[in-house]
Amino acid sequence: HDIGKPVVAKPRAYDGILQYDEQGRQRHTFGD
């Protein structure tokens, strides 16, 4: 059900600020 996510993954950002998790790993968005 989520095999399309790695293909469309883009860095997640709020107001131009990249978002990271607690371990410092880049979060992503997965449009379409």
Full PDB file with SEQRES, HELIX, SHEET, SSBOND, CRYST1, ORIGX, SCALE, CONECT and MASTER records, all heavy atoms in Angstrom:
SEQRES   1 A   32  HIS ASP ILE GLY LYS PRO VAL VAL ALA LYS PRO ARG ALA          
SEQRES   2 A   32  TYR ASP GLY ILE LEU GLN TYR ASP GLU GLN GLY ARG GLN          
SEQRES   3 A   32  ARG HIS THR PHE GLY ASP                                      
HELIX    1 AA1 LYS A    5  VAL A    8  1                                   4    
SHEET    1 AA1 2 ALA A  13  TYR A  14  0                                        
SHEET    2 AA1 2 ILE A  17  LEU A  18 -1                                        
CRYST1    1.000    1.000    1.000  90.00  90.00  90.00 P 1           1          
ORIGX1      1.000000  0.000000  0.000000        0.00000                         
ORIGX2      0.000000  1.000000  0.000000        0.00000                         
ORIGX3      0.000000  0.000000  1.000000        0.00000                         
SCALE1      1.000000  0.000000  0.000000        0.00000                         
SCALE2      0.000000  1.000000  0.000000        0.00000                         
SCALE3      0.000000  0.000000  1.000000        0.00000                         
ATOM      1  N   HIS A   1       0.808  -1.223   0.000  1.00  0.00           N  
ATOM      2  CA  HIS A   1       0.000   0.000   0.000  1.00  0.00           C  
ATOM      3  C   HIS A   1       0.840   1.272   0.000  1.00  0.00           C  
ATOM      4  O   HIS A   1       0.351   2.345  -0.395  1.00  0.00           O  
ATOM      5  CB  HIS A   1      -0.961   0.007   1.205  1.00  0.00           C  
ATOM      6  CG  HIS A   1      -0.322   0.376   2.510  1.00  0.00           C  
ATOM      7  ND1 HIS A   1       0.476  -0.487   3.229  1.00  0.00           N  
ATOM      8  CD2 HIS A   1      -0.369   1.533   3.220  1.00  0.00           C  
ATOM      9  CE1 HIS A   1       0.881   0.099   4.331  1.00  0.00           C  
ATOM     10  NE2 HIS A   1       0.388   1.334   4.359  1.00  0.00           N  
ATOM     11  N   ASP A   2       2.103   1.212   0.415  1.00  0.00           N  
ATOM     12  CA  ASP A   2       2.927   2.420   0.469  1.00  0.00           C  
ATOM     13  C   ASP A   2       4.165   2.348  -0.418  1.00  0.00           C  
ATOM     14  O   ASP A   2       5.113   3.126  -0.225  1.00  0.00           O  
ATOM     15  CB  ASP A   2       3.375   2.689   1.917  1.00  0.00           C  
ATOM     16  CG  ASP A   2       2.371   3.535   2.685  1.00  0.00           C  
ATOM     17  OD1 ASP A   2       1.456   4.105   2.045  1.00  0.00           O  
ATOM     18  OD2 ASP A   2       2.490   3.626   3.914  1.00  0.00           O  
ATOM     19  N   ILE A   3       4.193   1.451  -1.395  1.00  0.00           N  
ATOM     20  CA  ILE A   3       5.406   1.326  -2.213  1.00  0.00           C  
ATOM     21  C   ILE A   3       5.651   2.561  -3.079  1.00  0.00           C  
ATOM     22  O   ILE A   3       6.758   2.762  -3.587  1.00  0.00           O  
ATOM     23  CB  ILE A   3       5.363   0.074  -3.108  1.00  0.00           C  
ATOM     24  CG1 ILE A   3       4.167   0.118  -4.065  1.00  0.00           C  
ATOM     25  CG2 ILE A   3       5.345  -1.187  -2.267  1.00  0.00           C  
ATOM     26  CD1 ILE A   3       4.172  -1.035  -5.070  1.00  0.00           C  
ATOM     27  N   GLY A   4       4.626   3.395  -3.235  1.00  0.00           N  
ATOM     28  CA  GLY A   4       4.800   4.611  -4.020  1.00  0.00           C  
ATOM     29  C   GLY A   4       5.501   5.725  -3.253  1.00  0.00           C  
ATOM     30  O   GLY A   4       6.011   6.679  -3.854  1.00  0.00           O  
ATOM     31  N   LYS A   5       5.566   5.616  -1.927  1.00  0.00           N  
ATOM     32  CA  LYS A   5       6.139   6.699  -1.120  1.00  0.00           C  
ATOM     33  C   LYS A   5       7.615   6.967  -1.411  1.00  0.00           C  
ATOM     34  O   LYS A   5       8.002   8.135  -1.608  1.00  0.00           O  
ATOM     35  CB  LYS A   5       5.926   6.413   0.365  1.00  0.00           C  
ATOM     36  CG  LYS A   5       4.512   6.685   0.840  1.00  0.00           C  
ATOM     37  CD  LYS A   5       4.371   6.519   2.339  1.00  0.00           C  
ATOM     38  CE  LYS A   5       2.971   6.933   2.817  1.00  0.00           C  
ATOM     39  NZ  LYS A   5       2.816   6.770   4.283  1.00  0.00           N  
ATOM     40  N   PRO A   6       8.474   5.953  -1.439  1.00  0.00           N  
ATOM     41  CA  PRO A   6       9.890   6.243  -1.728  1.00  0.00           C  
ATOM     42  C   PRO A   6      10.091   6.885  -3.102  1.00  0.00           C  
ATOM     43  O   PRO A   6      11.043   7.655  -3.295  1.00  0.00           O  
ATOM     44  CB  PRO A   6      10.548   4.856  -1.665  1.00  0.00           C  
ATOM     45  CG  PRO A   6       9.654   4.053  -0.779  1.00  0.00           C  
ATOM     46  CD  PRO A   6       8.276   4.527  -1.116  1.00  0.00           C  
ATOM     47  N   VAL A   7       9.219   6.608  -4.036  1.00  0.00           N  
ATOM     48  CA  VAL A   7       9.345   7.135  -5.399  1.00  0.00           C  
ATOM     49  C   VAL A   7       9.051   8.636  -5.448  1.00  0.00           C  
ATOM     50  O   VAL A   7       9.721   9.390  -6.170  1.00  0.00           O  
ATOM     51  CB  VAL A   7       8.406   6.376  -6.361  1.00  0.00           C  
ATOM     52  CG1 VAL A   7       8.481   6.964  -7.760  1.00  0.00           C  
ATOM     53  CG2 VAL A   7       8.750   4.892  -6.383  1.00  0.00           C  
ATOM     54  N   VAL A   8       8.051   9.065  -4.673  1.00  0.00           N  
ATOM     55  CA  VAL A   8       7.617  10.465  -4.742  1.00  0.00           C  
ATOM     56  C   VAL A   8       8.114  11.297  -3.560  1.00  0.00           C  
ATOM     57  O   VAL A   8       7.770  12.477  -3.443  1.00  0.00           O  
ATOM     58  CB  VAL A   8       6.078  10.553  -4.808  1.00  0.00           C  
ATOM     59  CG1 VAL A   8       5.562   9.804  -6.022  1.00  0.00           C  
ATOM     60  CG2 VAL A   8       5.443   9.993  -3.526  1.00  0.00           C  
ATOM     61  N   ALA A   9       8.915  10.694  -2.661  1.00  0.00           N  
ATOM     62  CA  ALA A   9       9.330  11.368  -1.426  1.00  0.00           C  
ATOM     63  C   ALA A   9      10.041  12.697  -1.690  1.00  0.00           C  
ATOM     64  O   ALA A   9      10.932  12.788  -2.537  1.00  0.00           O  
ATOM     65  CB  ALA A   9      10.241  10.443  -0.623  1.00  0.00           C  
ATOM     66  N   LYS A  10       9.607  13.709  -0.952  1.00  0.00           N  
ATOM     67  CA  LYS A  10      10.247  15.022  -0.999  1.00  0.00           C  
ATOM     68  C   LYS A  10      10.461  15.520   0.429  1.00  0.00           C  
ATOM     69  O   LYS A  10       9.661  15.222   1.314  1.00  0.00           O  
ATOM     70  CB  LYS A  10       9.375  16.028  -1.769  1.00  0.00           C  
ATOM     71  CG  LYS A  10       9.233  15.716  -3.247  1.00  0.00           C  
ATOM     72  CD  LYS A  10       8.398  16.778  -3.932  1.00  0.00           C  
ATOM     73  CE  LYS A  10       8.280  16.479  -5.435  1.00  0.00           C  
ATOM     74  NZ  LYS A  10       7.455  17.515  -6.120  1.00  0.00           N  
ATOM     75  N   PRO A  11      11.548  16.265   0.679  1.00  0.00           N  
ATOM     76  CA  PRO A  11      11.809  16.772   2.025  1.00  0.00           C  
ATOM     77  C   PRO A  11      10.625  17.572   2.564  1.00  0.00           C  
ATOM     78  O   PRO A  11      10.048  18.401   1.857  1.00  0.00           O  
ATOM     79  CB  PRO A  11      13.051  17.662   1.845  1.00  0.00           C  
ATOM     80  CG  PRO A  11      13.734  17.092   0.650  1.00  0.00           C  
ATOM     81  CD  PRO A  11      12.613  16.657  -0.266  1.00  0.00           C  
ATOM     82  N   ARG A  12      10.271  17.312   3.805  1.00  0.00           N  
ATOM     83  CA  ARG A  12       9.144  18.007   4.433  1.00  0.00           C  
ATOM     84  C   ARG A  12       9.652  19.303   5.062  1.00  0.00           C  
ATOM     85  O   ARG A  12      10.667  19.313   5.768  1.00  0.00           O  
ATOM     86  CB  ARG A  12       8.506  17.121   5.502  1.00  0.00           C  
ATOM     87  CG  ARG A  12       7.264  17.717   6.146  1.00  0.00           C  
ATOM     88  CD  ARG A  12       6.634  16.694   7.095  1.00  0.00           C  
ATOM     89  NE  ARG A  12       5.449  17.179   7.753  1.00  0.00           N  
ATOM     90  CZ  ARG A  12       4.235  17.193   7.231  1.00  0.00           C  
ATOM     91  NH1 ARG A  12       4.047  16.738   6.000  1.00  0.00           N  
ATOM     92  NH2 ARG A  12       3.200  17.633   7.901  1.00  0.00           N  
ATOM     93  N   ALA A  13       8.932  20.417   4.809  1.00  0.00           N  
ATOM     94  CA  ALA A  13       9.352  21.719   5.337  1.00  0.00           C  
ATOM     95  C   ALA A  13       8.147  22.552   5.726  1.00  0.00           C  
ATOM     96  O   ALA A  13       7.071  22.447   5.119  1.00  0.00           O  
ATOM     97  CB  ALA A  13      10.193  22.462   4.304  1.00  0.00           C  
ATOM     98  N   TYR A  14       8.302  23.349   6.776  1.00  0.00           N  
ATOM     99  CA  TYR A  14       7.295  24.324   7.199  1.00  0.00           C  
ATOM    100  C   TYR A  14       7.919  25.718   7.086  1.00  0.00           C  
ATOM    101  O   TYR A  14       8.970  25.984   7.677  1.00  0.00           O  
ATOM    102  CB  TYR A  14       6.872  24.082   8.644  1.00  0.00           C  
ATOM    103  CG  TYR A  14       5.946  22.908   8.834  1.00  0.00           C  
ATOM    104  CD1 TYR A  14       6.199  21.974   9.841  1.00  0.00           C  
ATOM    105  CD2 TYR A  14       4.822  22.728   8.033  1.00  0.00           C  
ATOM    106  CE1 TYR A  14       5.355  20.897  10.030  1.00  0.00           C  
ATOM    107  CE2 TYR A  14       3.978  21.653   8.221  1.00  0.00           C  
ATOM    108  CZ  TYR A  14       4.246  20.739   9.217  1.00  0.00           C  
ATOM    109  OH  TYR A  14       3.422  19.672   9.412  1.00  0.00           O  
ATOM    110  N   ASP A  15       7.287  26.572   6.294  1.00  0.00           N  
ATOM    111  CA  ASP A  15       7.795  27.933   6.110  1.00  0.00           C  
ATOM    112  C   ASP A  15       9.265  27.931   5.713  1.00  0.00           C  
ATOM    113  O   ASP A  15      10.078  28.735   6.204  1.00  0.00           O  
ATOM    114  CB  ASP A  15       7.610  28.745   7.400  1.00  0.00           C  
ATOM    115  CG  ASP A  15       6.148  28.935   7.750  1.00  0.00           C  
ATOM    116  OD1 ASP A  15       5.316  29.008   6.814  1.00  0.00           O  
ATOM    117  OD2 ASP A  15       5.836  28.997   8.946  1.00  0.00           O  
ATOM    118  N   GLY A  16       9.605  26.991   4.829  1.00  0.00           N  
ATOM    119  CA  GLY A  16      10.968  26.943   4.324  1.00  0.00           C  
ATOM    120  C   GLY A  16      11.952  26.271   5.249  1.00  0.00           C  
ATOM    121  O   GLY A  16      13.147  26.183   4.939  1.00  0.00           O  
ATOM    122  N   ILE A  17      11.489  25.780   6.407  1.00  0.00           N  
ATOM    123  CA  ILE A  17      12.377  25.124   7.377  1.00  0.00           C  
ATOM    124  C   ILE A  17      12.203  23.610   7.265  1.00  0.00           C  
ATOM    125  O   ILE A  17      11.099  23.091   7.466  1.00  0.00           O  
ATOM    126  CB  ILE A  17      12.073  25.578   8.816  1.00  0.00           C  
ATOM    127  CG1 ILE A  17      12.237  27.092   8.923  1.00  0.00           C  
ATOM    128  CG2 ILE A  17      12.974  24.851   9.807  1.00  0.00           C  
ATOM    129  CD1 ILE A  17      11.856  27.649  10.284  1.00  0.00           C  
ATOM    130  N   LEU A  18      13.260  22.912   6.938  1.00  0.00           N  
ATOM    131  CA  LEU A  18      13.203  21.469   6.813  1.00  0.00           C  
ATOM    132  C   LEU A  18      12.884  20.823   8.157  1.00  0.00           C  
ATOM    133  O   LEU A  18      13.332  21.279   9.212  1.00  0.00           O  
ATOM    134  CB  LEU A  18      14.545  20.929   6.281  1.00  0.00           C  
ATOM    135  CG  LEU A  18      14.900  21.329   4.852  1.00  0.00           C  
ATOM    136  CD1 LEU A  18      16.299  20.827   4.497  1.00  0.00           C  
ATOM    137  CD2 LEU A  18      13.879  20.779   3.862  1.00  0.00           C  
ATOM    138  N   GLN A  19      12.113  19.737   8.098  1.00  0.00           N  
ATOM    139  CA  GLN A  19      11.672  19.052   9.309  1.00  0.00           C  
ATOM    140  C   GLN A  19      12.446  17.745   9.493  1.00  0.00           C  
ATOM    141  O   GLN A  19      12.648  16.985   8.548  1.00  0.00           O  
ATOM    142  CB  GLN A  19      10.174  18.757   9.220  1.00  0.00           C  
ATOM    143  CG  GLN A  19       9.316  19.994   9.012  1.00  0.00           C  
ATOM    144  CD  GLN A  19       9.391  20.939  10.196  1.00  0.00           C  
ATOM    145  OE1 GLN A  19       9.135  20.546  11.334  1.00  0.00           O  
ATOM    146  NE2 GLN A  19       9.762  22.190   9.926  1.00  0.00           N  
ATOM    147  N   TYR A  20      12.858  17.523  10.770  1.00  0.00           N  
ATOM    148  CA  TYR A  20      13.605  16.313  11.109  1.00  0.00           C  
ATOM    149  C   TYR A  20      12.951  15.625  12.299  1.00  0.00           C  
ATOM    150  O   TYR A  20      12.253  16.265  13.092  1.00  0.00           O  
ATOM    151  CB  TYR A  20      15.059  16.653  11.447  1.00  0.00           C  
ATOM    152  CG  TYR A  20      15.807  17.313  10.310  1.00  0.00           C  
ATOM    153  CD1 TYR A  20      15.760  18.696  10.138  1.00  0.00           C  
ATOM    154  CD2 TYR A  20      16.540  16.557   9.411  1.00  0.00           C  
ATOM    155  CE1 TYR A  20      16.434  19.302   9.080  1.00  0.00           C  
ATOM    156  CE2 TYR A  20      17.228  17.149   8.352  1.00  0.00           C  
ATOM    157  CZ  TYR A  20      17.165  18.520   8.198  1.00  0.00           C  
ATOM    158  OH  TYR A  20      17.829  19.130   7.162  1.00  0.00           O  
ATOM    159  N   ASP A  21      13.189  14.321  12.409  1.00  0.00           N  
ATOM    160  CA  ASP A  21      12.657  13.610  13.563  1.00  0.00           C  
ATOM    161  C   ASP A  21      13.609  13.749  14.742  1.00  0.00           C  
ATOM    162  O   ASP A  21      14.639  14.433  14.656  1.00  0.00           O  
ATOM    163  CB  ASP A  21      12.389  12.140  13.233  1.00  0.00           C  
ATOM    164  CG  ASP A  21      13.662  11.344  12.973  1.00  0.00           C  
ATOM    165  OD1 ASP A  21      14.773  11.901  13.103  1.00  0.00           O  
ATOM    166  OD2 ASP A  21      13.546  10.148  12.635  1.00  0.00           O  
ATOM    167  N   GLU A  22      13.305  13.102  15.875  1.00  0.00           N  
ATOM    168  CA  GLU A  22      14.091  13.222  17.097  1.00  0.00           C  
ATOM    169  C   GLU A  22      15.523  12.739  16.906  1.00  0.00           C  
ATOM    170  O   GLU A  22      16.426  13.121  17.658  1.00  0.00           O  
ATOM    171  CB  GLU A  22      13.422  12.443  18.233  1.00  0.00           C  
ATOM    172  CG  GLU A  22      12.069  12.987  18.665  1.00  0.00           C  
ATOM    173  CD  GLU A  22      10.938  12.579  17.725  1.00  0.00           C  
ATOM    174  OE1 GLU A  22      11.225  11.861  16.738  1.00  0.00           O  
ATOM    175  OE2 GLU A  22       9.794  12.998  17.962  1.00  0.00           O  
ATOM    176  N   GLN A  23      15.736  11.875  15.923  1.00  0.00           N  
ATOM    177  CA  GLN A  23      17.068  11.335  15.677  1.00  0.00           C  
ATOM    178  C   GLN A  23      17.812  12.120  14.597  1.00  0.00           C  
ATOM    179  O   GLN A  23      18.885  11.708  14.141  1.00  0.00           O  
ATOM    180  CB  GLN A  23      16.966   9.869  15.274  1.00  0.00           C  
ATOM    181  CG  GLN A  23      16.307   8.996  16.332  1.00  0.00           C  
ATOM    182  CD  GLN A  23      16.173   7.555  15.892  1.00  0.00           C  
ATOM    183  OE1 GLN A  23      17.068   7.003  15.251  1.00  0.00           O  
ATOM    184  NE2 GLN A  23      15.050   6.930  16.229  1.00  0.00           N  
ATOM    185  N   GLY A  24      17.235  13.230  14.183  1.00  0.00           N  
ATOM    186  CA  GLY A  24      17.894  14.073  13.205  1.00  0.00           C  
ATOM    187  C   GLY A  24      17.746  13.612  11.770  1.00  0.00           C  
ATOM    188  O   GLY A  24      18.484  14.069  10.881  1.00  0.00           O  
ATOM    189  N   ARG A  25      16.773  12.762  11.513  1.00  0.00           N  
ATOM    190  CA  ARG A  25      16.569  12.246  10.153  1.00  0.00           C  
ATOM    191  C   ARG A  25      15.520  13.088   9.427  1.00  0.00           C  
ATOM    192  O   ARG A  25      14.520  13.485  10.013  1.00  0.00           O  
ATOM    193  CB  ARG A  25      16.144  10.773  10.202  1.00  0.00           C  
ATOM    194  CG  ARG A  25      17.190   9.856  10.822  1.00  0.00           C  
ATOM    195  CD  ARG A  25      16.674   8.432  10.942  1.00  0.00           C  
ATOM    196  NE  ARG A  25      15.493   8.346  11.821  1.00  0.00           N  
ATOM    197  CZ  ARG A  25      14.864   7.216  12.122  1.00  0.00           C  
ATOM    198  NH1 ARG A  25      15.295   6.065  11.599  1.00  0.00           N  
ATOM    199  NH2 ARG A  25      13.822   7.238  12.923  1.00  0.00           N  
ATOM    200  N   GLN A  26      15.782  13.321   8.158  1.00  0.00           N  
ATOM    201  CA  GLN A  26      14.898  14.158   7.349  1.00  0.00           C  
ATOM    202  C   GLN A  26      13.507  13.537   7.199  1.00  0.00           C  
ATOM    203  O   GLN A  26      13.362  12.375   6.843  1.00  0.00           O  
ATOM    204  CB  GLN A  26      15.504  14.347   5.964  1.00  0.00           C  
ATOM    205  CG  GLN A  26      14.621  15.088   4.976  1.00  0.00           C  
ATOM    206  CD  GLN A  26      14.443  16.545   5.340  1.00  0.00           C  
ATOM    207  OE1 GLN A  26      15.410  17.288   5.394  1.00  0.00           O  
ATOM    208  NE2 GLN A  26      13.212  16.959   5.604  1.00  0.00           N  
ATOM    209  N   ARG A  27      12.472  14.326   7.489  1.00  0.00           N  
ATOM    210  CA  ARG A  27      11.104  13.872   7.258  1.00  0.00           C  
ATOM    211  C   ARG A  27      10.726  14.142   5.806  1.00  0.00           C  
ATOM    212  O   ARG A  27      11.336  14.991   5.145  1.00  0.00           O  
ATOM    213  CB  ARG A  27      10.121  14.573   8.199  1.00  0.00           C  
ATOM    214  CG  ARG A  27      10.294  14.205   9.676  1.00  0.00           C  
ATOM    215  CD  ARG A  27       9.154  14.736  10.506  1.00  0.00           C  
ATOM    216  NE  ARG A  27       9.276  14.444  11.919  1.00  0.00           N  
ATOM    217  CZ  ARG A  27       8.950  13.282  12.481  1.00  0.00           C  
ATOM    218  NH1 ARG A  27       8.483  12.299  11.720  1.00  0.00           N  
ATOM    219  NH2 ARG A  27       9.077  13.104  13.770  1.00  0.00           N  
ATOM    220  N   HIS A  28       9.708  13.445   5.323  1.00  0.00           N  
ATOM    221  CA  HIS A  28       9.318  13.577   3.919  1.00  0.00           C  
ATOM    222  C   HIS A  28       7.811  13.725   3.764  1.00  0.00           C  
ATOM    223  O   HIS A  28       7.024  13.369   4.657  1.00  0.00           O  
ATOM    224  CB  HIS A  28       9.774  12.345   3.123  1.00  0.00           C  
ATOM    225  CG  HIS A  28      11.257  12.173   3.055  1.00  0.00           C  
ATOM    226  ND1 HIS A  28      11.965  11.537   4.051  1.00  0.00           N  
ATOM    227  CD2 HIS A  28      12.159  12.556   2.121  1.00  0.00           C  
ATOM    228  CE1 HIS A  28      13.255  11.521   3.736  1.00  0.00           C  
ATOM    229  NE2 HIS A  28      13.396  12.128   2.570  1.00  0.00           N  
ATOM    230  N   THR A  29       7.433  14.239   2.621  1.00  0.00           N  
ATOM    231  CA  THR A  29       6.032  14.229   2.189  1.00  0.00           C  
ATOM    232  C   THR A  29       5.936  13.306   0.977  1.00  0.00           C  
ATOM    233  O   THR A  29       6.939  13.039   0.303  1.00  0.00           O  
ATOM    234  CB  THR A  29       5.562  15.642   1.797  1.00  0.00           C  
ATOM    235  OG1 THR A  29       6.390  16.139   0.734  1.00  0.00           O  
ATOM    236  CG2 THR A  29       5.642  16.585   2.985  1.00  0.00           C  
ATOM    237  N   PHE A  30       4.725  12.857   0.698  1.00  0.00           N  
ATOM    238  CA  PHE A  30       4.564  11.842  -0.349  1.00  0.00           C  
ATOM    239  C   PHE A  30       3.355  12.147  -1.216  1.00  0.00           C  
ATOM    240  O   PHE A  30       2.365  11.406  -1.227  1.00  0.00           O  
ATOM    241  CB  PHE A  30       4.418  10.453   0.279  1.00  0.00           C  
ATOM    242  CG  PHE A  30       5.477  10.125   1.296  1.00  0.00           C  
ATOM    243  CD1 PHE A  30       5.200  10.214   2.655  1.00  0.00           C  
ATOM    244  CD2 PHE A  30       6.746   9.750   0.895  1.00  0.00           C  
ATOM    245  CE1 PHE A  30       6.168   9.915   3.594  1.00  0.00           C  
ATOM    246  CE2 PHE A  30       7.726   9.445   1.823  1.00  0.00           C  
ATOM    247  CZ  PHE A  30       7.442   9.531   3.188  1.00  0.00           C  
ATOM    248  N   GLY A  31       3.399  13.202  -1.942  1.00  0.00           N  
ATOM    249  CA  GLY A  31       2.271  13.587  -2.777  1.00  0.00           C  
ATOM    250  C   GLY A  31       1.937  12.564  -3.849  1.00  0.00           C  
ATOM    251  O   GLY A  31       2.826  12.068  -4.549  1.00  0.00           O  
ATOM    252  N   ASP A  32       0.654  12.234  -3.939  1.00  0.00           N  
ATOM    253  CA  ASP A  32       0.142  11.292  -4.950  1.00  0.00           C  
ATOM    254  C   ASP A  32       0.767   9.904  -4.847  1.00  0.00           C  
ATOM    255  O   ASP A  32       0.803   9.160  -5.833  1.00  0.00           O  
ATOM    256  CB  ASP A  32       0.368  11.830  -6.369  1.00  0.00           C  
ATOM    257  CG  ASP A  32      -0.503  13.030  -6.677  1.00  0.00           C  
ATOM    258  OD1 ASP A  32      -1.625  13.092  -6.125  1.00  0.00           O  
ATOM    259  OD2 ASP A  32      -0.070  13.890  -7.455  1.00  0.00           O  
TER     260      ASP A  32                                                      
MASTER        0    0    0    1    2    0    0    6  259    1    0    3          
END                                                                             
